[in-house]
Amino acid sequence: MSYDHFYRFFSVEKERRIKLMFEVYTTGLTFWIDRACEMPEWSFDYIQINRDKVEKELRQLFENIIEVEYKGTTTTIRLFDKGGAMTRQFKDIIAFKINWFSRKTVDTYRPYFENE
């Protein structure tokens, strides 16, 4: 990491919740969801210009159902609202490797904050 200062926050372990970490550093904010790193990542300039969009995406991260698909070195993270509609998708590739013969697994996690 090339930043002089940063704060790292880890999620509290809860049953059927995904591991989540985020960092606030000198120029922005980034999330680490399960084994996918730096998704999403925003500079403070972007956050200032797109405050409503960033706030909406943060709410989705904490209030939506999260589905994680693993296939070899690829991790796909999908967020679903209460009605089951996909609201966001992230894809992270750890290393370039042919994943054709890798087994696919899918895990579903509950939201951190559930408004009933």
Protein backbone atom coordinates (compact mmCIF):
# COMPACT_ATOMS: atom_id res chain seq x y z
CA MET A 1 0.00 0.00 0.00
CA SER A 2 1.43 3.37 -0.97
CA TYR A 3 -0.62 5.60 1.37
CA ASP A 4 0.82 7.45 4.33
CA HIS A 5 -2.25 6.86 6.49
CA PHE A 6 -5.30 4.64 6.35
CA TYR A 7 -7.93 3.15 8.64
CA ARG A 8 -9.11 -0.41 8.16
CA PHE A 9 -12.49 -1.58 9.46
CA PHE A 10 -13.60 -5.21 9.67
CA SER A 11 -17.16 -6.49 9.82
CA VAL A 12 -18.39 -8.12 12.99
CA GLU A 13 -18.76 -11.86 12.49
CA LYS A 14 -22.44 -12.76 12.29
CA GLU A 15 -24.09 -15.99 11.27
CA ARG A 16 -24.56 -16.26 7.47
CA ARG A 17 -22.94 -12.84 6.86
CA ILE A 18 -20.10 -12.39 4.41
CA LYS A 19 -16.68 -11.16 5.57
CA LEU A 20 -16.37 -7.50 4.76
CA MET A 21 -13.61 -4.98 5.24
CA PHE A 22 -13.24 -1.40 4.15
CA GLU A 23 -10.39 1.07 4.19
CA VAL A 24 -10.46 4.82 4.37
CA TYR A 25 -7.16 6.17 3.11
CA THR A 26 -5.77 9.59 2.26
CA THR A 27 -7.44 9.80 -1.16
CA GLY A 28 -10.52 7.58 -0.97
CA LEU A 29 -12.45 4.55 0.20
CA THR A 30 -12.29 0.91 -0.85
CA PHE A 31 -14.05 -2.32 0.12
CA TRP A 32 -12.85 -5.91 0.35
CA ILE A 33 -15.77 -8.33 0.10
CA ASP A 34 -14.87 -11.93 0.90
CA ARG A 35 -11.85 -12.69 -1.32
CA ALA A 36 -12.63 -9.92 -3.84
CA CYS A 37 -10.48 -6.86 -3.27
CA GLU A 38 -10.99 -3.19 -3.95
CA MET A 39 -14.62 -3.44 -5.02
CA PRO A 40 -16.04 -0.90 -4.98
CA GLU A 41 -13.32 1.73 -4.77
CA TRP A 42 -13.97 5.48 -4.83
CA SER A 43 -11.79 8.56 -4.62
CA PHE A 44 -12.98 11.34 -2.31
CA ASP A 45 -13.44 13.57 -5.39
CA TYR A 46 -15.78 10.96 -6.90
CA ILE A 47 -17.67 10.60 -3.61
CA GLN A 48 -18.12 14.37 -3.36
CA ILE A 49 -19.46 14.67 -6.93
CA ASN A 50 -21.61 11.50 -6.76
CA ARG A 51 -22.72 11.51 -3.14
CA ASP A 52 -26.22 10.10 -3.78
CA LYS A 53 -24.89 7.32 -6.02
CA VAL A 54 -22.24 6.30 -3.46
CA GLU A 55 -24.77 6.39 -0.62
CA LYS A 56 -27.13 4.15 -2.61
CA GLU A 57 -24.34 1.67 -3.30
CA LEU A 58 -23.27 1.62 0.36
CA ARG A 59 -26.87 0.89 1.40
CA GLN A 60 -26.95 -1.98 -1.11
CA LEU A 61 -23.77 -3.49 0.37
CA PHE A 62 -25.22 -3.58 3.87
CA GLU A 63 -28.95 -4.10 3.23
CA ASN A 64 -29.04 -6.56 0.31
CA ILE A 65 -28.66 -10.31 0.10
CA ILE A 66 -25.18 -11.16 -1.19
CA GLU A 67 -24.54 -14.14 -3.45
CA VAL A 68 -20.93 -15.19 -4.07
CA GLU A 69 -19.94 -17.51 -6.90
CA TYR A 70 -16.49 -19.09 -6.94
CA LYS A 71 -15.06 -20.70 -10.06
CA GLY A 72 -11.31 -21.26 -9.92
CA THR A 73 -9.63 -17.89 -9.49
CA THR A 74 -12.77 -15.90 -10.34
CA THR A 75 -15.13 -14.53 -7.72
CA THR A 76 -18.46 -13.03 -8.78
CA ILE A 77 -20.46 -11.13 -6.17
CA ARG A 78 -24.11 -10.29 -6.80
CA LEU A 79 -26.35 -8.12 -4.63
CA PHE A 80 -30.09 -8.79 -4.54
CA ASP A 81 -32.84 -6.64 -3.08
CA LYS A 82 -35.68 -8.01 -0.91
CA GLY A 83 -37.74 -8.75 -4.02
CA GLY A 84 -34.99 -10.92 -5.50
CA ALA A 85 -33.90 -8.47 -8.22
CA MET A 86 -30.16 -8.19 -8.79
CA THR A 87 -29.02 -4.63 -8.02
CA ARG A 88 -25.24 -4.89 -8.49
CA GLN A 89 -22.54 -7.30 -9.62
CA PHE A 90 -18.78 -7.32 -9.03
CA LYS A 91 -16.27 -9.67 -10.64
CA ASP A 92 -12.75 -10.23 -9.32
CA ILE A 93 -10.08 -12.38 -10.95
CA ILE A 94 -7.23 -13.25 -8.60
CA ALA A 95 -4.95 -14.71 -11.27
CA PHE A 96 -5.20 -15.37 -14.97
CA LYS A 97 -5.87 -19.06 -15.24
CA ILE A 98 -8.25 -21.09 -17.36
CA ASN A 99 -11.20 -21.90 -15.11
CA TRP A 100 -13.00 -24.27 -17.49
CA PHE A 101 -12.32 -27.33 -15.37
CA SER A 102 -12.82 -25.65 -12.02
CA ARG A 103 -15.86 -26.51 -9.97
CA LYS A 104 -18.37 -23.71 -9.40
CA THR A 105 -19.75 -23.10 -5.92
CA VAL A 106 -22.32 -20.52 -4.85
CA ASP A 107 -22.94 -19.23 -1.33
CA THR A 108 -25.72 -16.88 -0.24
CA TYR A 109 -25.37 -14.49 2.68
CA ARG A 110 -27.92 -12.49 4.61
CA PRO A 111 -27.79 -8.68 4.77
CA TYR A 112 -25.93 -7.06 7.67
CA PHE A 113 -28.85 -4.76 8.37
CA GLU A 114 -32.35 -6.10 7.90
CA ASN A 115 -35.25 -3.68 8.07
CA GLU A 116 -38.44 -5.55 8.75
